[in-house]
Amino acid sequence: RGVSISMASVAGAGADETLWAAFTRTTFGNRSLAVVCLAGFCANFETGMAWGLIASWARDGLRIGGRERDFFTGCYSFLKGFSQLAAGLVSDRIGRRAPMSVGLIGGAAALSNAAVG
């Protein structure tokens, strides 16, 4: 015999909840979840901006073309991925707020620096 867990008891919502009701419950009813989702959006937006800026800078500023530029841009992704693993380990010990804040502020500062000079 297996143990059955209904999704309603896990998610705190009814099985017949509409998409709009789920959206409003998770977006406006749970502040922590909304902040984490916003931080995820900002991090993904930042990554998209960085990819474009790094590729343009490598092409125009460093005069790197083709495969070398792709490798250079890929290095950014690998570094970001490995730093997210480290940030995950740190956030398990001290909480989510400080690593998310440092990551978002650091990314914003780096992109501002890249855009300005």
PDB file of N, CA and C in Angstrom:
ATOM      1  N   ARG A   1       0.833  -1.194   0.000  1.00  0.00           N
ATOM      2  CA  ARG A   1       0.000   0.000   0.000  1.00  0.00           C
ATOM      3  C   ARG A   1       0.868   1.244   0.000  1.00  0.00           C
ATOM      4  N   GLY A   2       0.564   2.163  -0.872  1.00  0.00           N
ATOM      5  CA  GLY A   2       1.291   3.420  -0.927  1.00  0.00           C
ATOM      6  C   GLY A   2       0.564   4.505  -0.160  1.00  0.00           C
ATOM      7  N   VAL A   3       1.279   5.503   0.219  1.00  0.00           N
ATOM      8  CA  VAL A   3       0.705   6.647   0.920  1.00  0.00           C
ATOM      9  C   VAL A   3       0.338   7.692  -0.115  1.00  0.00           C
ATOM     10  N   SER A   4      -0.867   8.175  -0.052  1.00  0.00           N
ATOM     11  CA  SER A   4      -1.341   9.170  -1.002  1.00  0.00           C
ATOM     12  C   SER A   4      -1.423  10.529  -0.327  1.00  0.00           C
ATOM     13  N   ILE A   5      -0.819  11.525  -0.942  1.00  0.00           N
ATOM     14  CA  ILE A   5      -0.858  12.900  -0.436  1.00  0.00           C
ATOM     15  C   ILE A   5      -1.534  13.754  -1.496  1.00  0.00           C
ATOM     16  N   SER A   6      -2.593  14.403  -1.113  1.00  0.00           N
ATOM     17  CA  SER A   6      -3.271  15.242  -2.096  1.00  0.00           C
ATOM     18  C   SER A   6      -2.505  16.541  -2.269  1.00  0.00           C
ATOM     19  N   MET A   7      -2.544  17.061  -3.463  1.00  0.00           N
ATOM     20  CA  MET A   7      -1.868  18.327  -3.751  1.00  0.00           C
ATOM     21  C   MET A   7      -2.519  19.482  -3.007  1.00  0.00           C
ATOM     22  N   ALA A   8      -3.785  19.343  -2.675  1.00  0.00           N
ATOM     23  CA  ALA A   8      -4.461  20.415  -1.948  1.00  0.00           C
ATOM     24  C   ALA A   8      -3.845  20.605  -0.572  1.00  0.00           C
ATOM     25  N   SER A   9      -3.482  19.509   0.089  1.00  0.00           N
ATOM     26  CA  SER A   9      -2.893  19.652   1.418  1.00  0.00           C
ATOM     27  C   SER A   9      -1.451  20.135   1.339  1.00  0.00           C
ATOM     28  N   VAL A  10      -0.760  19.811   0.253  1.00  0.00           N
ATOM     29  CA  VAL A  10       0.625  20.237   0.094  1.00  0.00           C
ATOM     30  C   VAL A  10       0.689  21.708  -0.290  1.00  0.00           C
ATOM     31  N   ALA A  11      -0.094  22.103  -1.264  1.00  0.00           N
ATOM     32  CA  ALA A  11      -0.012  23.466  -1.781  1.00  0.00           C
ATOM     33  C   ALA A  11      -0.892  24.447  -1.020  1.00  0.00           C
ATOM     34  N   GLY A  12      -1.801  23.942  -0.212  1.00  0.00           N
ATOM     35  CA  GLY A  12      -2.687  24.840   0.508  1.00  0.00           C
ATOM     36  C   GLY A  12      -3.793  25.394  -0.354  1.00  0.00           C
ATOM     37  N   ALA A  13      -4.097  24.702  -1.448  1.00  0.00           N
ATOM     38  CA  ALA A  13      -5.118  25.174  -2.362  1.00  0.00           C
ATOM     39  C   ALA A  13      -6.020  24.012  -2.748  1.00  0.00           C
ATOM     40  N   GLY A  14      -7.181  24.340  -3.232  1.00  0.00           N
ATOM     41  CA  GLY A  14      -8.108  23.312  -3.672  1.00  0.00           C
ATOM     42  C   GLY A  14      -7.683  22.702  -4.993  1.00  0.00           C
ATOM     43  N   ALA A  15      -8.145  21.506  -5.265  1.00  0.00           N
ATOM     44  CA  ALA A  15      -7.797  20.810  -6.501  1.00  0.00           C
ATOM     45  C   ALA A  15      -8.404  21.504  -7.707  1.00  0.00           C
ATOM     46  N   ASP A  16      -9.499  22.223  -7.507  1.00  0.00           N
ATOM     47  CA  ASP A  16     -10.162  22.892  -8.622  1.00  0.00           C
ATOM     48  C   ASP A  16      -9.835  24.390  -8.682  1.00  0.00           C
ATOM     49  N   GLU A  17      -8.689  24.779  -8.159  1.00  0.00           N
ATOM     50  CA  GLU A  17      -8.275  26.185  -8.157  1.00  0.00           C
ATOM     51  C   GLU A  17      -7.979  26.639  -9.580  1.00  0.00           C
ATOM     52  N   THR A  18      -8.460  27.812  -9.937  1.00  0.00           N
ATOM     53  CA  THR A  18      -8.207  28.326 -11.277  1.00  0.00           C
ATOM     54  C   THR A  18      -6.789  28.873 -11.377  1.00  0.00           C
ATOM     55  N   LEU A  19      -6.331  29.054 -12.587  1.00  0.00           N
ATOM     56  CA  LEU A  19      -4.996  29.596 -12.810  1.00  0.00           C
ATOM     57  C   LEU A  19      -4.874  30.998 -12.232  1.00  0.00           C
ATOM     58  N   TRP A  20      -5.911  31.827 -12.410  1.00  0.00           N
ATOM     59  CA  TRP A  20      -5.878  33.190 -11.882  1.00  0.00           C
ATOM     60  C   TRP A  20      -5.822  33.191 -10.355  1.00  0.00           C
ATOM     61  N   ALA A  21      -6.573  32.291  -9.726  1.00  0.00           N
ATOM     62  CA  ALA A  21      -6.566  32.209  -8.262  1.00  0.00           C
ATOM     63  C   ALA A  21      -5.197  31.764  -7.757  1.00  0.00           C
ATOM     64  N   ALA A  22      -4.569  30.817  -8.459  1.00  0.00           N
ATOM     65  CA  ALA A  22      -3.230  30.371  -8.064  1.00  0.00           C
ATOM     66  C   ALA A  22      -2.223  31.502  -8.236  1.00  0.00           C
ATOM     67  N   PHE A  23      -2.363  32.262  -9.320  1.00  0.00           N
ATOM     68  CA  PHE A  23      -1.466  33.399  -9.561  1.00  0.00           C
ATOM     69  C   PHE A  23      -1.588  34.445  -8.461  1.00  0.00           C
ATOM     70  N   THR A  24      -2.808  34.830  -8.129  1.00  0.00           N
ATOM     71  CA  THR A  24      -2.978  35.866  -7.105  1.00  0.00           C
ATOM     72  C   THR A  24      -2.560  35.371  -5.728  1.00  0.00           C
ATOM     73  N   ARG A  25      -2.823  34.089  -5.422  1.00  0.00           N
ATOM     74  CA  ARG A  25      -2.421  33.539  -4.126  1.00  0.00           C
ATOM     75  C   ARG A  25      -0.911  33.530  -3.976  1.00  0.00           C
ATOM     76  N   THR A  26      -0.203  33.104  -5.017  1.00  0.00           N
ATOM     77  CA  THR A  26       1.256  33.011  -4.904  1.00  0.00           C
ATOM     78  C   THR A  26       1.947  34.356  -5.092  1.00  0.00           C
ATOM     79  N   THR A  27       1.354  35.250  -5.874  1.00  0.00           N
ATOM     80  CA  THR A  27       1.989  36.543  -6.129  1.00  0.00           C
ATOM     81  C   THR A  27       1.713  37.549  -5.021  1.00  0.00           C
ATOM     82  N   PHE A  28       0.467  37.642  -4.594  1.00  0.00           N
ATOM     83  CA  PHE A  28       0.101  38.669  -3.630  1.00  0.00           C
ATOM     84  C   PHE A  28      -0.141  38.105  -2.230  1.00  0.00           C
ATOM     85  N   GLY A  29      -0.400  36.820  -2.120  1.00  0.00           N
ATOM     86  CA  GLY A  29      -0.711  36.229  -0.831  1.00  0.00           C
ATOM     87  C   GLY A  29       0.511  35.744  -0.074  1.00  0.00           C
ATOM     88  N   ASN A  30       1.610  35.522  -0.765  1.00  0.00           N
ATOM     89  CA  ASN A  30       2.823  35.004  -0.130  1.00  0.00           C
ATOM     90  C   ASN A  30       3.979  35.934  -0.495  1.00  0.00           C
ATOM     91  N   ARG A  31       4.292  36.835   0.389  1.00  0.00           N
ATOM     92  CA  ARG A  31       5.299  37.862   0.110  1.00  0.00           C
ATOM     93  C   ARG A  31       6.687  37.266  -0.148  1.00  0.00           C
ATOM     94  N   SER A  32       7.062  36.243   0.611  1.00  0.00           N
ATOM     95  CA  SER A  32       8.383  35.629   0.434  1.00  0.00           C
ATOM     96  C   SER A  32       8.515  35.008  -0.946  1.00  0.00           C
ATOM     97  N   LEU A  33       7.477  34.314  -1.388  1.00  0.00           N
ATOM     98  CA  LEU A  33       7.511  33.696  -2.710  1.00  0.00           C
ATOM     99  C   LEU A  33       7.571  34.754  -3.800  1.00  0.00           C
ATOM    100  N   ALA A  34       6.827  35.842  -3.620  1.00  0.00           N
ATOM    101  CA  ALA A  34       6.848  36.928  -4.602  1.00  0.00           C
ATOM    102  C   ALA A  34       8.243  37.548  -4.718  1.00  0.00           C
ATOM    103  N   VAL A  35       8.919  37.735  -3.590  1.00  0.00           N
ATOM    104  CA  VAL A  35      10.262  38.323  -3.602  1.00  0.00           C
ATOM    105  C   VAL A  35      11.260  37.387  -4.280  1.00  0.00           C
ATOM    106  N   VAL A  36      11.162  36.092  -3.996  1.00  0.00           N
ATOM    107  CA  VAL A  36      12.064  35.131  -4.630  1.00  0.00           C
ATOM    108  C   VAL A  36      11.818  35.080  -6.137  1.00  0.00           C
ATOM    109  N   CYS A  37      10.558  35.130  -6.555  1.00  0.00           N
ATOM    110  CA  CYS A  37      10.250  35.141  -7.989  1.00  0.00           C
ATOM    111  C   CYS A  37      10.781  36.402  -8.658  1.00  0.00           C
ATOM    112  N   LEU A  38      10.643  37.541  -7.995  1.00  0.00           N
ATOM    113  CA  LEU A  38      11.167  38.793  -8.545  1.00  0.00           C
ATOM    114  C   LEU A  38      12.687  38.748  -8.635  1.00  0.00           C
ATOM    115  N   ALA A  39      13.333  38.193  -7.627  1.00  0.00           N
ATOM    116  CA  ALA A  39      14.791  38.067  -7.661  1.00  0.00           C
ATOM    117  C   ALA A  39      15.222  37.144  -8.801  1.00  0.00           C
ATOM    118  N   GLY A  40      14.483  36.056  -9.015  1.00  0.00           N
ATOM    119  CA  GLY A  40      14.788  35.162 -10.131  1.00  0.00           C
ATOM    120  C   GLY A  40      14.623  35.854 -11.470  1.00  0.00           C
ATOM    121  N   PHE A  41      13.556  36.644 -11.612  1.00  0.00           N
ATOM    122  CA  PHE A  41      13.360  37.402 -12.842  1.00  0.00           C
ATOM    123  C   PHE A  41      14.505  38.377 -13.065  1.00  0.00           C
ATOM    124  N   CYS A  42      14.885  39.109 -12.024  1.00  0.00           N
ATOM    125  CA  CYS A  42      15.982  40.079 -12.140  1.00  0.00           C
ATOM    126  C   CYS A  42      17.297  39.395 -12.508  1.00  0.00           C
ATOM    127  N   ALA A  43      17.555  38.245 -11.902  1.00  0.00           N
ATOM    128  CA  ALA A  43      18.789  37.525 -12.202  1.00  0.00           C
ATOM    129  C   ALA A  43      18.802  37.051 -13.654  1.00  0.00           C
ATOM    130  N   ASN A  44      17.675  36.550 -14.143  1.00  0.00           N
ATOM    131  CA  ASN A  44      17.613  36.105 -15.537  1.00  0.00           C
ATOM    132  C   ASN A  44      17.680  37.282 -16.503  1.00  0.00           C
ATOM    133  N   PHE A  45      17.063  38.396 -16.161  1.00  0.00           N
ATOM    134  CA  PHE A  45      17.148  39.601 -16.984  1.00  0.00           C
ATOM    135  C   PHE A  45      18.593  40.095 -17.040  1.00  0.00           C
ATOM    136  N   GLU A  46      19.231  40.083 -15.886  1.00  0.00           N
ATOM    137  CA  GLU A  46      20.634  40.500 -15.795  1.00  0.00           C
ATOM    138  C   GLU A  46      21.533  39.611 -16.658  1.00  0.00           C
ATOM    139  N   THR A  47      21.279  38.318 -16.641  1.00  0.00           N
ATOM    140  CA  THR A  47      22.066  37.389 -17.453  1.00  0.00           C
ATOM    141  C   THR A  47      21.867  37.666 -18.933  1.00  0.00           C
ATOM    142  N   GLY A  48      20.632  37.913 -19.336  1.00  0.00           N
ATOM    143  CA  GLY A  48      20.373  38.240 -20.739  1.00  0.00           C
ATOM    144  C   GLY A  48      21.077  39.515 -21.171  1.00  0.00           C
ATOM    145  N   MET A  49      21.050  40.512 -20.313  1.00  0.00           N
ATOM    146  CA  MET A  49      21.747  41.763 -20.620  1.00  0.00           C
ATOM    147  C   MET A  49      23.255  41.530 -20.696  1.00  0.00           C
ATOM    148  N   ALA A  50      23.777  40.757 -19.766  1.00  0.00           N
ATOM    149  CA  ALA A  50      25.216  40.491 -19.748  1.00  0.00           C
ATOM    150  C   ALA A  50      25.654  39.749 -21.001  1.00  0.00           C
ATOM    151  N   TRP A  51      24.864  38.774 -21.436  1.00  0.00           N
ATOM    152  CA  TRP A  51      25.229  38.046 -22.659  1.00  0.00           C
ATOM    153  C   TRP A  51      25.359  39.003 -23.838  1.00  0.00           C
ATOM    154  N   GLY A  52      24.392  39.900 -23.977  1.00  0.00           N
ATOM    155  CA  GLY A  52      24.457  40.859 -25.076  1.00  0.00           C
ATOM    156  C   GLY A  52      25.622  41.820 -24.946  1.00  0.00           C
ATOM    157  N   LEU A  53      25.844  42.324 -23.747  1.00  0.00           N
ATOM    158  CA  LEU A  53      26.937  43.274 -23.532  1.00  0.00           C
ATOM    159  C   LEU A  53      28.306  42.616 -23.695  1.00  0.00           C
ATOM    160  N   ILE A  54      28.452  41.402 -23.158  1.00  0.00           N
ATOM    161  CA  ILE A  54      29.745  40.719 -23.262  1.00  0.00           C
ATOM    162  C   ILE A  54      30.070  40.405 -24.715  1.00  0.00           C
ATOM    163  N   ALA A  55      29.081  39.909 -25.448  1.00  0.00           N
ATOM    164  CA  ALA A  55      29.323  39.578 -26.861  1.00  0.00           C
ATOM    165  C   ALA A  55      29.680  40.829 -27.666  1.00  0.00           C
ATOM    166  N   SER A  56      28.964  41.922 -27.424  1.00  0.00           N
ATOM    167  CA  SER A  56      29.259  43.169 -28.149  1.00  0.00           C
ATOM    168  C   SER A  56      30.620  43.725 -27.762  1.00  0.00           C
ATOM    169  N   TRP A  57      30.933  43.690 -26.472  1.00  0.00           N
ATOM    170  CA  TRP A  57      32.227  44.192 -26.006  1.00  0.00           C
ATOM    171  C   TRP A  57      33.374  43.351 -26.571  1.00  0.00           C
ATOM    172  N   ALA A  58      33.193  42.036 -26.572  1.00  0.00           N
ATOM    173  CA  ALA A  58      34.241  41.166 -27.103  1.00  0.00           C
ATOM    174  C   ALA A  58      34.448  41.416 -28.594  1.00  0.00           C
ATOM    175  N   ARG A  59      33.349  41.637 -29.319  1.00  0.00           N
ATOM    176  CA  ARG A  59      33.447  41.884 -30.764  1.00  0.00           C
ATOM    177  C   ARG A  59      34.056  43.254 -31.055  1.00  0.00           C
ATOM    178  N   ASP A  60      33.530  44.297 -30.408  1.00  0.00           N
ATOM    179  CA  ASP A  60      33.942  45.658 -30.736  1.00  0.00           C
ATOM    180  C   ASP A  60      35.180  46.117 -29.973  1.00  0.00           C
ATOM    181  N   GLY A  61      35.235  45.824 -28.688  1.00  0.00           N
ATOM    182  CA  GLY A  61      36.330  46.320 -27.865  1.00  0.00           C
ATOM    183  C   GLY A  61      37.577  45.462 -27.931  1.00  0.00           C
ATOM    184  N   LEU A  62      37.394  44.155 -27.884  1.00  0.00           N
ATOM    185  CA  LEU A  62      38.541  43.247 -27.876  1.00  0.00           C
ATOM    186  C   LEU A  62      38.885  42.700 -29.254  1.00  0.00           C
ATOM    187  N   ARG A  63      38.020  42.984 -30.221  1.00  0.00           N
ATOM    188  CA  ARG A  63      38.204  42.500 -31.597  1.00  0.00           C
ATOM    189  C   ARG A  63      38.293  40.975 -31.656  1.00  0.00           C
ATOM    190  N   ILE A  64      37.454  40.317 -30.850  1.00  0.00           N
ATOM    191  CA  ILE A  64      37.384  38.853 -30.851  1.00  0.00           C
ATOM    192  C   ILE A  64      36.209  38.455 -31.726  1.00  0.00           C
ATOM    193  N   GLY A  65      36.420  37.510 -32.592  1.00  0.00           N
ATOM    194  CA  GLY A  65      35.340  37.085 -33.467  1.00  0.00           C
ATOM    195  C   GLY A  65      35.052  35.600 -33.354  1.00  0.00           C
ATOM    196  N   GLY A  66      33.879  35.226 -33.811  1.00  0.00           N
ATOM    197  CA  GLY A  66      33.504  33.836 -33.968  1.00  0.00           C
ATOM    198  C   GLY A  66      33.588  32.972 -32.728  1.00  0.00           C
ATOM    199  N   ARG A  67      34.348  31.877 -32.892  1.00  0.00           N
ATOM    200  CA  ARG A  67      34.436  30.871 -31.837  1.00  0.00           C
ATOM    201  C   ARG A  67      35.043  31.415 -30.554  1.00  0.00           C
ATOM    202  N   GLU A  68      36.027  32.279 -30.656  1.00  0.00           N
ATOM    203  CA  GLU A  68      36.664  32.833 -29.457  1.00  0.00           C
ATOM    204  C   GLU A  68      35.683  33.680 -28.650  1.00  0.00           C
ATOM    205  N   ARG A  69      34.860  34.443 -29.365  1.00  0.00           N
ATOM    206  CA  ARG A  69      33.859  35.270 -28.685  1.00  0.00           C
ATOM    207  C   ARG A  69      32.820  34.387 -27.989  1.00  0.00           C
ATOM    208  N   ASP A  70      32.413  33.319 -28.647  1.00  0.00           N
ATOM    209  CA  ASP A  70      31.459  32.399 -28.040  1.00  0.00           C
ATOM    210  C   ASP A  70      32.060  31.735 -26.801  1.00  0.00           C
ATOM    211  N   PHE A  71      33.323  31.359 -26.870  1.00  0.00           N
ATOM    212  CA  PHE A  71      33.998  30.773 -25.714  1.00  0.00           C
ATOM    213  C   PHE A  71      34.072  31.783 -24.564  1.00  0.00           C
ATOM    214  N   PHE A  72      34.425  33.014 -24.892  1.00  0.00           N
ATOM    215  CA  PHE A  72      34.525  34.084 -23.907  1.00  0.00           C
ATOM    216  C   PHE A  72      33.177  34.303 -23.213  1.00  0.00           C
ATOM    217  N   THR A  73      32.106  34.327 -24.002  1.00  0.00           N
ATOM    218  CA  THR A  73      30.771  34.514 -23.454  1.00  0.00           C
ATOM    219  C   THR A  73      30.346  33.297 -22.636  1.00  0.00           C
ATOM    220  N   GLY A  74      30.706  32.103 -23.090  1.00  0.00           N
ATOM    221  CA  GLY A  74      30.382  30.885 -22.355  1.00  0.00           C
ATOM    222  C   GLY A  74      31.073  30.817 -21.005  1.00  0.00           C
ATOM    223  N   CYS A  75      32.261  31.378 -20.918  1.00  0.00           N
ATOM    224  CA  CYS A  75      32.972  31.411 -19.631  1.00  0.00           C
ATOM    225  C   CYS A  75      32.167  32.161 -18.585  1.00  0.00           C
ATOM    226  N   TYR A  76      31.474  33.212 -19.001  1.00  0.00           N
ATOM    227  CA  TYR A  76      30.611  33.948 -18.081  1.00  0.00           C
ATOM    228  C   TYR A  76      29.541  33.020 -17.511  1.00  0.00           C
ATOM    229  N   SER A  77      28.932  32.221 -18.383  1.00  0.00           N
ATOM    230  CA  SER A  77      27.862  31.328 -17.931  1.00  0.00           C
ATOM    231  C   SER A  77      28.379  30.277 -16.966  1.00  0.00           C
ATOM    232  N   PHE A  78      29.535  29.693 -17.261  1.00  0.00           N
ATOM    233  CA  PHE A  78      30.096  28.699 -16.358  1.00  0.00           C
ATOM    234  C   PHE A  78      30.436  29.317 -15.005  1.00  0.00           C
ATOM    235  N   LEU A  79      31.020  30.496 -15.018  1.00  0.00           N
ATOM    236  CA  LEU A  79      31.350  31.167 -13.762  1.00  0.00           C
ATOM    237  C   LEU A  79      30.086  31.472 -12.963  1.00  0.00           C
ATOM    238  N   LYS A  80      29.053  31.938 -13.644  1.00  0.00           N
ATOM    239  CA  LYS A  80      27.798  32.221 -12.955  1.00  0.00           C
ATOM    240  C   LYS A  80      27.199  30.940 -12.379  1.00  0.00           C
ATOM    241  N   GLY A  81      27.236  29.866 -13.140  1.00  0.00           N
ATOM    242  CA  GLY A  81      26.696  28.598 -12.649  1.00  0.00           C
ATOM    243  C   GLY A  81      27.426  28.087 -11.428  1.00  0.00           C
ATOM    244  N   PHE A  82      28.747  28.128 -11.463  1.00  0.00           N
ATOM    245  CA  PHE A  82      29.518  27.665 -10.306  1.00  0.00           C
ATOM    246  C   PHE A  82      29.321  28.572  -9.099  1.00  0.00           C
ATOM    247  N   SER A  83      29.197  29.873  -9.334  1.00  0.00           N
ATOM    248  CA  SER A  83      28.959  30.776  -8.205  1.00  0.00           C
ATOM    249  C   SER A  83      27.566  30.563  -7.619  1.00  0.00           C
ATOM    250  N   GLN A  84      26.599  30.145  -8.432  1.00  0.00           N
ATOM    251  CA  GLN A  84      25.270  29.853  -7.904  1.00  0.00           C
ATOM    252  C   GLN A  84      25.299  28.612  -7.018  1.00  0.00           C
ATOM    253  N   LEU A  85      26.130  27.643  -7.366  1.00  0.00           N
ATOM    254  CA  LEU A  85      26.281  26.474  -6.500  1.00  0.00           C
ATOM    255  C   LEU A  85      26.841  26.882  -5.136  1.00  0.00           C
ATOM    256  N   ALA A  86      27.860  27.730  -5.154  1.00  0.00           N
ATOM    257  CA  ALA A  86      28.443  28.204  -3.892  1.00  0.00           C
ATOM    258  C   ALA A  86      27.441  29.036  -3.107  1.00  0.00           C
ATOM    259  N   ALA A  87      26.702  29.898  -3.804  1.00  0.00           N
ATOM    260  CA  ALA A  87      25.700  30.723  -3.120  1.00  0.00           C
ATOM    261  C   ALA A  87      24.597  29.852  -2.523  1.00  0.00           C
ATOM    262  N   GLY A  88      24.252  28.768  -3.179  1.00  0.00           N
ATOM    263  CA  GLY A  88      23.261  27.849  -2.635  1.00  0.00           C
ATOM    264  C   GLY A  88      23.721  27.217  -1.342  1.00  0.00           C
ATOM    265  N   LEU A  89      24.984  26.812  -1.297  1.00  0.00           N
ATOM    266  CA  LEU A  89      25.530  26.236  -0.069  1.00  0.00           C
ATOM    267  C   LEU A  89      25.545  27.262   1.063  1.00  0.00           C
ATOM    268  N   VAL A  90      25.943  28.485   0.735  1.00  0.00           N
ATOM    269  CA  VAL A  90      25.972  29.550   1.745  1.00  0.00           C
ATOM    270  C   VAL A  90      24.556  29.869   2.221  1.00  0.00           C
ATOM    271  N   SER A  91      23.613  29.951   1.289  1.00  0.00           N
ATOM    272  CA  SER A  91      22.251  30.314   1.680  1.00  0.00           C
ATOM    273  C   SER A  91      21.580  29.225   2.515  1.00  0.00           C
ATOM    274  N   ASP A  92      22.006  27.975   2.359  1.00  0.00           N
ATOM    275  CA  ASP A  92      21.475  26.922   3.225  1.00  0.00           C
ATOM    276  C   ASP A  92      21.917  27.118   4.671  1.00  0.00           C
ATOM    277  N   ARG A  93      23.043  27.761   4.851  1.00  0.00           N
ATOM    278  CA  ARG A  93      23.561  27.971   6.210  1.00  0.00           C
ATOM    279  C   ARG A  93      23.090  29.283   6.837  1.00  0.00           C
ATOM    280  N   ILE A  94      23.052  30.366   6.055  1.00  0.00           N
ATOM    281  CA  ILE A  94      22.759  31.673   6.651  1.00  0.00           C
ATOM    282  C   ILE A  94      21.409  32.248   6.236  1.00  0.00           C
ATOM    283  N   GLY A  95      20.718  31.621   5.296  1.00  0.00           N
ATOM    284  CA  GLY A  95      19.440  32.147   4.827  1.00  0.00           C
ATOM    285  C   GLY A  95      19.560  32.677   3.412  1.00  0.00           C
ATOM    286  N   ARG A  96      18.444  32.988   2.811  1.00  0.00           N
ATOM    287  CA  ARG A  96      18.405  33.376   1.398  1.00  0.00           C
ATOM    288  C   ARG A  96      18.628  34.869   1.157  1.00  0.00           C
ATOM    289  N   ARG A  97      18.280  35.687   2.116  1.00  0.00           N
ATOM    290  CA  ARG A  97      18.261  37.132   1.885  1.00  0.00           C
ATOM    291  C   ARG A  97      19.632  37.705   1.527  1.00  0.00           C
ATOM    292  N   ALA A  98      20.657  37.409   2.303  1.00  0.00           N
ATOM    293  CA  ALA A  98      21.980  37.994   2.054  1.00  0.00           C
ATOM    294  C   ALA A  98      22.585  37.532   0.724  1.00  0.00           C
ATOM    295  N   PRO A  99      22.609  36.239   0.393  1.00  0.00           N
ATOM    296  CA  PRO A  99      23.169  35.849  -0.900  1.00  0.00           C
ATOM    297  C   PRO A  99      22.402  36.421  -2.092  1.00  0.00           C
ATOM    298  N   MET A 100      21.067  36.477  -1.998  1.00  0.00           N
ATOM    299  CA  MET A 100      20.301  37.058  -3.106  1.00  0.00           C
ATOM    300  C   MET A 100      20.602  38.542  -3.243  1.00  0.00           C
ATOM    301  N   SER A 101      20.679  39.241  -2.131  1.00  0.00           N
ATOM    302  CA  SER A 101      20.963  40.675  -2.175  1.00  0.00           C
ATOM    303  C   SER A 101      22.355  40.949  -2.735  1.00  0.00           C
ATOM    304  N   VAL A 102      23.341  40.218  -2.249  1.00  0.00           N
ATOM    305  CA  VAL A 102      24.716  40.404  -2.739  1.00  0.00           C
ATOM    306  C   VAL A 102      24.802  40.097  -4.224  1.00  0.00           C
ATOM    307  N   GLY A 103      24.156  39.019  -4.657  1.00  0.00           N
ATOM    308  CA  GLY A 103      24.182  38.657  -6.072  1.00  0.00           C
ATOM    309  C   GLY A 103      23.531  39.701  -6.957  1.00  0.00           C
ATOM    310  N   LEU A 104      22.372  40.179  -6.559  1.00  0.00           N
ATOM    311  CA  LEU A 104      21.676  41.177  -7.374  1.00  0.00           C
ATOM    312  C   LEU A 104      22.399  42.520  -7.385  1.00  0.00           C
ATOM    313  N   ILE A 105      22.887  42.946  -6.239  1.00  0.00           N
ATOM    314  CA  ILE A 105      23.615  44.219  -6.175  1.00  0.00           C
ATOM    315  C   ILE A 105      24.938  44.116  -6.926  1.00  0.00           C
ATOM    316  N   GLY A 106      25.632  42.997  -6.755  1.00  0.00           N
ATOM    317  CA  GLY A 106      26.888  42.800  -7.487  1.00  0.00           C
ATOM    318  C   GLY A 106      26.691  42.756  -8.982  1.00  0.00           C
ATOM    319  N   GLY A 107      25.638  42.073  -9.435  1.00  0.00           N
ATOM    320  CA  GLY A 107      25.342  42.027 -10.866  1.00  0.00           C
ATOM    321  C   GLY A 107      24.979  43.384 -11.410  1.00  0.00           C
ATOM    322  N   ALA A 108      24.176  44.138 -10.664  1.00  0.00           N
ATOM    323  CA  ALA A 108      23.804  45.480 -11.095  1.00  0.00           C
ATOM    324  C   ALA A 108      25.033  46.385 -11.182  1.00  0.00           C
ATOM    325  N   ALA A 109      25.914  46.271 -10.213  1.00  0.00           N
ATOM    326  CA  ALA A 109      27.135  47.088 -10.235  1.00  0.00           C
ATOM    327  C   ALA A 109      28.023  46.703 -11.424  1.00  0.00           C
ATOM    328  N   ALA A 110      28.138  45.419 -11.686  1.00  0.00           N
ATOM    329  CA  ALA A 110      28.973  44.972 -12.801  1.00  0.00           C
ATOM    330  C   ALA A 110      28.392  45.438 -14.145  1.00  0.00           C
ATOM    331  N   LEU A 111      27.067  45.321 -14.311  1.00  0.00           N
ATOM    332  CA  LEU A 111      26.472  45.769 -15.558  1.00  0.00           C
ATOM    333  C   LEU A 111      26.541  47.282 -15.707  1.00  0.00           C
ATOM    334  N   SER A 112      26.385  48.006 -14.606  1.00  0.00           N
ATOM    335  CA  SER A 112      26.533  49.465 -14.665  1.00  0.00           C
ATOM    336  C   SER A 112      27.948  49.847 -15.049  1.00  0.00           C
ATOM    337  N   ASN A 113      28.911  49.173 -14.486  1.00  0.00           N
ATOM    338  CA  ASN A 113      30.318  49.420 -14.822  1.00  0.00           C
ATOM    339  C   ASN A 113      30.582  49.111 -16.290  1.00  0.00           C
ATOM    340  N   ALA A 114      30.029  48.018 -16.777  1.00  0.00           N
ATOM    341  CA  ALA A 114      30.216  47.643 -18.184  1.00  0.00           C
ATOM    342  C   ALA A 114      29.551  48.644 -19.122  1.00  0.00           C
ATOM    343  N   ALA A 115      28.393  49.155 -18.720  1.00  0.00           N
ATOM    344  CA  ALA A 115      27.667  50.091 -19.572  1.00  0.00           C
ATOM    345  C   ALA A 115      28.325  51.469 -19.605  1.00  0.00           C
ATOM    346  N   VAL A 116      28.861  51.896 -18.466  1.00  0.00           N
ATOM    347  CA  VAL A 116      29.429  53.239 -18.374  1.00  0.00           C
ATOM    348  C   VAL A 116      30.879  53.291 -18.812  1.00  0.00           C
ATOM    349  N   GLY A 117      31.628  52.335 -18.398  1.00  0.00           N
ATOM    350  CA  GLY A 117      33.022  52.483 -18.759  1.00  0.00           C
ATOM    351  C   GLY A 117      33.802  51.279 -18.476  1.00  0.00           C
TER     352      GLY A 117
END
